[in-house]
N, C-alpha and C. Protein backbone atom coordinates (compact mmCIF):
# COMPACT_ATOMS: atom_id res chain seq x y z
N THR A 1 -12.74 8.97 -8.28
CA THR A 1 -12.94 8.68 -9.61
C THR A 1 -14.45 8.57 -9.03
N GLY A 2 -14.87 8.38 -10.55
CA GLY A 2 -17.05 7.95 -10.12
C GLY A 2 -17.19 6.53 -9.50
N ASN A 3 -15.97 6.18 -9.64
CA ASN A 3 -16.44 4.72 -8.86
C ASN A 3 -15.89 4.50 -7.41
N GLY A 4 -15.61 5.73 -6.46
CA GLY A 4 -15.37 5.72 -5.46
C GLY A 4 -14.09 6.66 -5.06
N ILE A 5 -13.94 6.55 -3.92
CA ILE A 5 -12.47 7.23 -3.59
C ILE A 5 -11.28 6.41 -3.44
N PHE A 6 -10.95 7.24 -3.54
CA PHE A 6 -9.07 6.33 -3.40
C PHE A 6 -8.41 7.52 -2.75
N SER A 7 -7.48 6.88 -1.76
CA SER A 7 -7.11 7.76 -0.29
C SER A 7 -5.34 7.64 -0.27
N TYR A 8 -4.77 8.37 -0.45
CA TYR A 8 -3.08 8.34 -0.26
C TYR A 8 -2.97 8.71 1.18
N VAL A 9 -2.34 8.50 2.06
CA VAL A 9 -1.79 8.71 3.46
C VAL A 9 -0.43 9.15 3.52
N SER A 10 -0.13 10.09 3.79
CA SER A 10 1.53 10.66 4.07
C SER A 10 1.99 10.11 5.04
N ASP A 11 2.99 10.36 5.16
CA ASP A 11 4.33 9.63 6.36
C ASP A 11 3.88 10.52 7.49
N THR A 12 3.14 9.39 8.21
CA THR A 12 3.13 10.04 9.45
C THR A 12 2.75 8.95 10.49
N ALA A 13 2.57 8.97 12.02
CA ALA A 13 2.19 8.58 12.80
C ALA A 13 0.85 7.80 13.05
N TYR A 14 0.25 7.06 13.67
CA TYR A 14 -1.10 6.40 13.29
C TYR A 14 -1.88 7.49 14.69
N SER A 15 -2.65 7.82 14.14
CA SER A 15 -3.56 8.56 15.42
C SER A 15 -5.38 8.27 15.01
N ASP A 16 -5.83 8.05 15.87
CA ASP A 16 -7.45 8.29 15.42
C ASP A 16 -8.16 8.88 14.72
N GLU A 17 -7.57 10.17 15.08
CA GLU A 17 -8.11 11.61 14.05
C GLU A 17 -7.44 11.57 12.56
N ILE A 18 -6.83 11.30 12.40
CA ILE A 18 -6.11 10.81 11.04
C ILE A 18 -6.75 10.31 10.40
N ALA A 19 -6.71 8.59 10.77
CA ALA A 19 -7.74 7.72 10.16
C ALA A 19 -9.04 8.26 10.14
N ASP A 20 -9.87 9.14 10.77
CA ASP A 20 -10.97 9.54 10.40
C ASP A 20 -11.64 9.90 9.91
N GLN A 21 -9.87 10.92 8.98
CA GLN A 21 -10.39 11.53 8.03
C GLN A 21 -10.60 11.01 6.45
N TYR A 22 -10.67 9.32 7.00
CA TYR A 22 -9.96 8.91 5.35
C TYR A 22 -10.90 7.66 5.29
N LYS A 23 -12.24 7.72 6.07
CA LYS A 23 -13.54 6.54 6.16
C LYS A 23 -14.13 6.93 5.01
N GLY A 24 -15.16 6.38 4.52
CA GLY A 24 -15.51 6.24 2.94
C GLY A 24 -14.82 5.90 2.01
N THR A 25 -13.03 5.51 2.21
CA THR A 25 -12.29 5.31 0.99
C THR A 25 -12.42 3.74 0.83
N ARG A 26 -12.21 3.72 -0.81
CA ARG A 26 -12.71 2.48 -1.27
C ARG A 26 -11.17 1.91 -1.28
N VAL A 27 -10.31 2.56 -1.77
CA VAL A 27 -8.55 1.84 -1.78
C VAL A 27 -7.98 2.86 -0.87
N LEU A 28 -7.21 2.34 -0.33
CA LEU A 28 -6.37 3.39 0.86
C LEU A 28 -4.54 2.92 0.57
N PHE A 29 -4.34 3.89 0.06
CA PHE A 29 -2.42 3.51 0.27
C PHE A 29 -1.65 3.93 1.61
N LEU A 30 -1.58 3.09 2.04
CA LEU A 30 -1.03 3.49 3.64
C LEU A 30 0.26 3.24 3.77
N PRO A 31 1.08 4.58 4.17
CA PRO A 31 2.62 3.97 4.57
C PRO A 31 2.70 3.37 5.69
N ILE A 32 3.48 2.16 5.41
CA ILE A 32 3.61 1.14 6.46
C ILE A 32 5.55 0.72 6.37
N THR A 33 5.52 1.60 7.27
CA THR A 33 7.60 1.10 6.96
C THR A 33 8.29 0.07 8.00
N THR A 34 7.41 -0.26 8.59
CA THR A 34 8.22 -1.24 9.71
C THR A 34 7.39 -2.53 9.93
N PRO A 35 7.41 -3.57 10.23
CA PRO A 35 6.76 -4.71 10.67
C PRO A 35 6.37 -4.83 11.93
N ASP A 36 4.79 -5.82 12.18
CA ASP A 36 4.51 -6.03 13.02
C ASP A 36 4.39 -4.62 13.78
N ASP A 37 4.77 -4.83 15.39
CA ASP A 37 4.68 -3.72 16.38
C ASP A 37 5.79 -2.88 16.83
N LYS A 38 6.76 -2.58 15.34
CA LYS A 38 8.10 -2.23 15.64
C LYS A 38 8.13 -0.98 14.77
N ARG A 39 7.56 0.08 15.87
CA ARG A 39 7.52 1.70 15.38
C ARG A 39 8.73 2.56 15.48
N ILE A 40 8.75 3.05 14.62
CA ILE A 40 10.03 4.63 14.80
C ILE A 40 9.01 5.77 14.47
N LYS A 41 9.94 6.28 14.76
CA LYS A 41 9.19 7.82 15.23
C LYS A 41 8.31 8.23 13.67
N PHE A 42 7.42 8.91 13.58
CA PHE A 42 6.10 9.65 12.88
C PHE A 42 6.44 8.63 11.59
N HIS A 43 6.39 7.31 11.87
CA HIS A 43 5.98 6.23 10.67
C HIS A 43 4.68 5.41 11.12
N MET A 44 4.06 4.37 10.79
CA MET A 44 3.56 3.18 10.83
C MET A 44 4.34 2.26 10.75
N CYS A 45 3.77 1.25 11.39
CA CYS A 45 4.08 -0.23 11.57
C CYS A 45 2.54 -1.11 11.30
N THR A 46 2.94 -2.19 10.92
CA THR A 46 2.28 -3.23 10.59
C THR A 46 0.77 -3.28 11.55
N GLN A 47 1.02 -3.08 12.93
CA GLN A 47 -0.20 -3.10 13.86
C GLN A 47 -0.55 -2.01 14.02
N ASP A 48 -0.10 -0.30 13.25
CA ASP A 48 -0.77 0.91 13.28
C ASP A 48 -1.84 0.50 11.93
N ALA A 49 -1.56 -0.50 11.08
CA ALA A 49 -2.35 -0.49 9.53
C ALA A 49 -3.49 -1.02 10.24
N GLU A 50 -3.44 -2.30 11.22
CA GLU A 50 -4.92 -3.09 11.85
C GLU A 50 -5.36 -1.90 12.51
N TYR A 51 -5.13 -1.09 13.08
CA TYR A 51 -6.21 0.06 13.72
C TYR A 51 -6.79 1.07 12.87
N PHE A 52 -6.11 1.43 11.72
CA PHE A 52 -6.27 2.23 10.74
C PHE A 52 -7.14 1.63 9.56
N ILE A 53 -7.19 0.70 9.49
CA ILE A 53 -7.99 -0.27 8.91
C ILE A 53 -9.00 -0.57 9.41
N ASN A 54 -9.28 -1.00 10.49
CA ASN A 54 -10.38 -1.26 11.01
C ASN A 54 -11.22 -0.14 11.81
N ARG A 55 -10.89 1.60 11.80
CA ARG A 55 -11.41 2.49 11.65
C ARG A 55 -11.67 2.97 10.39
N VAL A 56 -11.56 2.88 9.30
CA VAL A 56 -11.44 3.46 8.26
C VAL A 56 -12.86 2.29 7.06
N ARG A 57 -12.50 0.97 7.20
CA ARG A 57 -12.54 -0.29 6.79
C ARG A 57 -12.73 0.02 4.79
N PRO A 58 -12.01 -0.07 4.16
CA PRO A 58 -11.66 0.22 3.07
C PRO A 58 -11.57 -0.85 2.62
N GLU A 59 -11.98 -1.30 1.21
CA GLU A 59 -12.25 -2.56 0.23
C GLU A 59 -10.91 -3.22 0.05
N LEU A 60 -10.03 -1.98 -0.43
CA LEU A 60 -8.69 -2.53 -0.73
C LEU A 60 -7.44 -1.64 0.19
N THR A 61 -6.60 -2.14 1.17
CA THR A 61 -5.57 -1.12 1.42
C THR A 61 -4.32 -1.76 0.63
N VAL A 62 -3.60 -0.90 -0.10
CA VAL A 62 -2.12 -1.09 -0.45
C VAL A 62 -1.09 -0.48 0.79
N PHE A 63 -0.12 -1.22 1.19
CA PHE A 63 1.26 -0.70 1.63
C PHE A 63 1.84 -0.19 0.93
N VAL A 64 2.28 1.12 0.90
CA VAL A 64 3.41 1.70 0.37
C VAL A 64 4.82 2.60 1.46
N HIS A 65 5.48 3.40 1.02
CA HIS A 65 6.86 3.94 1.40
C HIS A 65 6.75 2.17 2.72
N LEU A 66 7.58 1.00 2.34
CA LEU A 66 7.93 0.20 2.50
C LEU A 66 9.74 0.21 2.91
N GLY A 67 9.72 0.22 4.33
CA GLY A 67 11.30 0.35 4.26
C GLY A 67 11.86 -0.95 4.65
N ILE A 68 13.43 -0.91 4.80
CA ILE A 68 14.13 -2.05 4.56
C ILE A 68 13.95 -3.22 5.51
N VAL A 69 13.45 -2.61 7.10
CA VAL A 69 13.46 -3.59 7.56
C VAL A 69 11.98 -4.84 7.03
N MET A 70 10.59 -4.20 7.05
CA MET A 70 9.35 -4.59 6.33
C MET A 70 9.73 -5.28 5.33
N LEU A 71 10.76 -4.73 4.42
CA LEU A 71 11.00 -5.82 2.80
C LEU A 71 11.92 -6.96 3.70
N LYS A 72 12.72 -6.62 4.54
CA LYS A 72 13.33 -8.09 5.01
C LYS A 72 12.29 -9.25 5.87
N HIS A 73 11.23 -8.26 6.37
CA HIS A 73 10.61 -9.34 7.25
C HIS A 73 9.42 -9.69 6.11
N ASP A 74 9.53 -9.71 4.85
CA ASP A 74 8.47 -9.72 3.61
C ASP A 74 7.40 -9.06 4.05
N ALA A 75 7.50 -8.39 3.30
CA ALA A 75 6.14 -7.02 3.23
C ALA A 75 5.01 -8.06 2.63
N ASP A 76 4.63 -8.76 1.52
CA ASP A 76 3.22 -9.58 1.51
C ASP A 76 3.07 -10.46 2.56
N ALA A 77 3.98 -11.05 3.38
CA ALA A 77 3.63 -11.93 4.43
C ALA A 77 2.74 -10.56 5.37
N GLN A 78 3.44 -9.74 5.54
CA GLN A 78 2.81 -8.56 6.39
C GLN A 78 1.45 -8.15 6.08
N ALA A 79 1.03 -7.89 4.86
CA ALA A 79 -0.16 -7.76 4.64
C ALA A 79 -0.84 -8.65 4.49
N ARG A 80 -0.54 -9.53 4.61
CA ARG A 80 -1.63 -11.36 4.22
C ARG A 80 -1.83 -11.20 6.22
N LYS A 81 -1.18 -10.80 6.90
CA LYS A 81 -1.35 -10.87 8.48
C LYS A 81 -2.45 -9.84 8.37
N THR A 82 -2.19 -8.53 8.42
CA THR A 82 -3.40 -7.45 8.67
C THR A 82 -4.41 -8.00 7.60
N GLU A 83 -4.48 -8.45 6.66
CA GLU A 83 -6.04 -8.75 6.06
C GLU A 83 -6.32 -9.87 6.99
N GLU A 84 -6.04 -10.78 7.60
CA GLU A 84 -6.44 -12.09 8.13
C GLU A 84 -6.92 -11.22 9.43
N ALA A 85 -6.08 -10.31 10.07
CA ALA A 85 -6.83 -9.73 11.41
C ALA A 85 -7.89 -8.77 11.29
N THR A 86 -7.89 -7.96 10.35
CA THR A 86 -9.16 -6.87 9.86
C THR A 86 -10.35 -7.30 8.90
N GLY A 87 -10.20 -8.42 8.13
CA GLY A 87 -11.00 -8.96 6.99
C GLY A 87 -11.07 -8.20 5.94
N CYS A 88 -10.32 -7.30 5.93
CA CYS A 88 -10.15 -6.65 4.54
C CYS A 88 -9.48 -6.85 3.89
N ARG A 89 -9.50 -6.92 2.39
CA ARG A 89 -8.08 -6.71 1.38
C ARG A 89 -7.18 -5.82 1.41
N VAL A 90 -5.82 -6.37 2.01
CA VAL A 90 -4.74 -6.12 1.99
C VAL A 90 -3.44 -6.32 0.95
N ILE A 91 -2.89 -5.94 0.80
CA ILE A 91 -1.62 -6.09 -0.36
C ILE A 91 -0.55 -5.27 -0.24
N ALA A 92 0.66 -5.35 -0.50
CA ALA A 92 2.04 -4.68 -0.58
C ALA A 92 2.37 -4.49 -2.00
N GLY A 93 2.28 -2.84 -1.78
CA GLY A 93 2.57 -2.16 -3.00
C GLY A 93 3.83 -2.43 -3.90
N ARG A 94 4.29 -2.48 -5.29
CA ARG A 94 4.96 -3.04 -6.68
C ARG A 94 5.13 -2.10 -7.17
N ASP A 95 6.39 -2.18 -7.88
CA ASP A 95 6.29 -1.44 -9.17
C ASP A 95 5.64 -1.62 -9.98
N LEU A 96 4.83 -0.77 -10.54
CA LEU A 96 4.36 -0.91 -11.85
C LEU A 96 3.16 -1.89 -11.87
N MET A 97 2.59 -1.53 -10.56
CA MET A 97 1.30 -2.36 -9.94
C MET A 97 0.12 -1.34 -10.45
N GLN A 98 -0.67 -1.61 -11.20
CA GLN A 98 -1.88 -0.88 -12.12
C GLN A 98 -3.39 -0.91 -10.94
N ILE A 99 -3.57 -0.49 -10.39
CA ILE A 99 -5.29 -0.44 -9.63
C ILE A 99 -6.21 0.60 -10.66
N GLU A 100 -7.56 -0.32 -11.18
CA GLU A 100 -8.19 -0.08 -11.52
C GLU A 100 -9.81 -0.10 -10.82
N ILE A 101 -9.94 1.08 -10.63
CA ILE A 101 -11.36 0.82 -9.59
C ILE A 101 -12.53 1.53 -10.53
N GLY A 102 -13.24 0.12 -10.12
CA GLY A 102 -14.35 0.13 -11.27
C GLY A 102 -15.78 -0.16 -9.86
N LYS A 103 -16.75 -0.97 -10.80
CA LYS A 103 -17.51 -1.61 -9.98
C LYS A 103 -16.70 -2.55 -8.91
N ASP A 104 -15.87 -3.47 -9.88
CA ASP A 104 -14.76 -4.20 -8.95
C ASP A 104 -13.29 -3.43 -8.83
N ILE A 105 -12.44 -3.85 -8.75
CA ILE A 105 -10.99 -3.10 -7.90
C ILE A 105 -10.49 -4.17 -8.23
N THR A 106 -9.52 -3.85 -9.65
CA THR A 106 -8.81 -5.40 -10.26
C THR A 106 -7.40 -4.54 -10.38
N ILE A 107 -6.51 -5.72 -9.91
CA ILE A 107 -5.08 -5.25 -9.57
C ILE A 107 -4.22 -6.07 -10.70
N THR A 108 -3.52 -5.43 -12.03
CA THR A 108 -2.79 -5.57 -12.47
C THR A 108 -1.08 -5.16 -12.76
N ASP A 109 0.02 -6.12 -13.22
CA ASP A 109 0.94 -5.52 -13.35
C ASP A 109 0.96 -4.57 -14.82
N ILE A 110 1.23 -3.56 -14.90
CA ILE A 110 1.98 -3.12 -16.25
C ILE A 110 3.08 -3.34 -16.85
N GLU A 111 3.57 -3.77 -18.20
CA GLU A 111 4.55 -4.26 -19.17
C GLU A 111 5.39 -2.66 -18.53
N PRO A 112 6.77 -2.39 -18.60
CA PRO A 112 7.81 -1.80 -18.85
C PRO A 112 8.03 -0.89 -19.83
N LYS A 113 7.72 -0.11 -20.62
CA LYS A 113 8.11 0.84 -21.48
C LYS A 113 9.84 0.83 -21.58
N LYS A 114 10.23 0.64 -22.75
CA LYS A 114 11.58 1.02 -23.50
C LYS A 114 11.57 3.05 -23.38
N PRO A 115 12.24 3.36 -22.72
CA PRO A 115 12.20 4.77 -22.71
C PRO A 115 12.98 5.22 -23.86
N GLU A 116 12.33 5.68 -24.74
CA GLU A 116 13.17 6.33 -26.04
C GLU A 116 14.42 6.79 -26.14
N TRP A 117 14.76 7.69 -24.81
CA TRP A 117 16.00 8.18 -24.44
C TRP A 117 17.10 7.67 -24.00
N ASN A 118 16.86 5.95 -23.67
CA ASN A 118 17.65 5.16 -23.30
C ASN A 118 18.28 4.26 -24.46
N ASP A 119 19.21 4.17 -24.53
CA ASP A 119 19.87 3.45 -25.70
C ASP A 119 20.47 1.94 -24.88
N ALA A 120 20.91 2.10 -23.89
CA ALA A 120 21.25 1.32 -22.91
C ALA A 120 20.13 0.04 -22.25
N TRP A 121 18.81 0.38 -22.63
CA TRP A 121 17.72 -0.35 -22.34
C TRP A 121 18.02 -1.76 -22.54
N ASN A 122 18.45 -2.01 -24.07
CA ASN A 122 19.05 -3.37 -24.31
C ASN A 122 20.15 -3.87 -23.82
N LEU A 123 20.31 -4.48 -22.99
CA LEU A 123 21.21 -4.52 -22.21
C LEU A 123 22.32 -5.98 -22.94
N GLU A 124 21.54 -6.48 -23.44
CA GLU A 124 22.10 -7.36 -24.43
C GLU A 124 23.14 -7.11 -25.82
N GLU A 125 22.31 -6.05 -25.97
CA GLU A 125 23.84 -4.92 -26.90
C GLU A 125 25.17 -4.34 -26.36
N HIS A 126 25.05 -4.38 -25.11
CA HIS A 126 26.01 -3.62 -24.48
C HIS A 126 27.26 -4.76 -24.07
């Protein structure tokens, strides 16, 4: 964007070499599949997010690709824990979240729109 870089990291294990590719990013989408230090092969955990964020120093990090174990361990709490550890703003992504990158970075939720092709949208009628 004209107001800075946003970057999406694909599913991967952590490495300094990968993190270094994202330096200068304002908004970082980071695939954090598992909580704390609970690593699984080819994925990142909350502890890896701390390493990544400390290396890149984005203004905002959004956890995405949240696995079931992460969801059961409260992804929002994991994001807050990471924010406290890094001093950078961290949130867990959610459906219909909208991020506007201007001078400031603002986060809102958009209202879902009724699909024109889906008559079953209004469940009260069925």
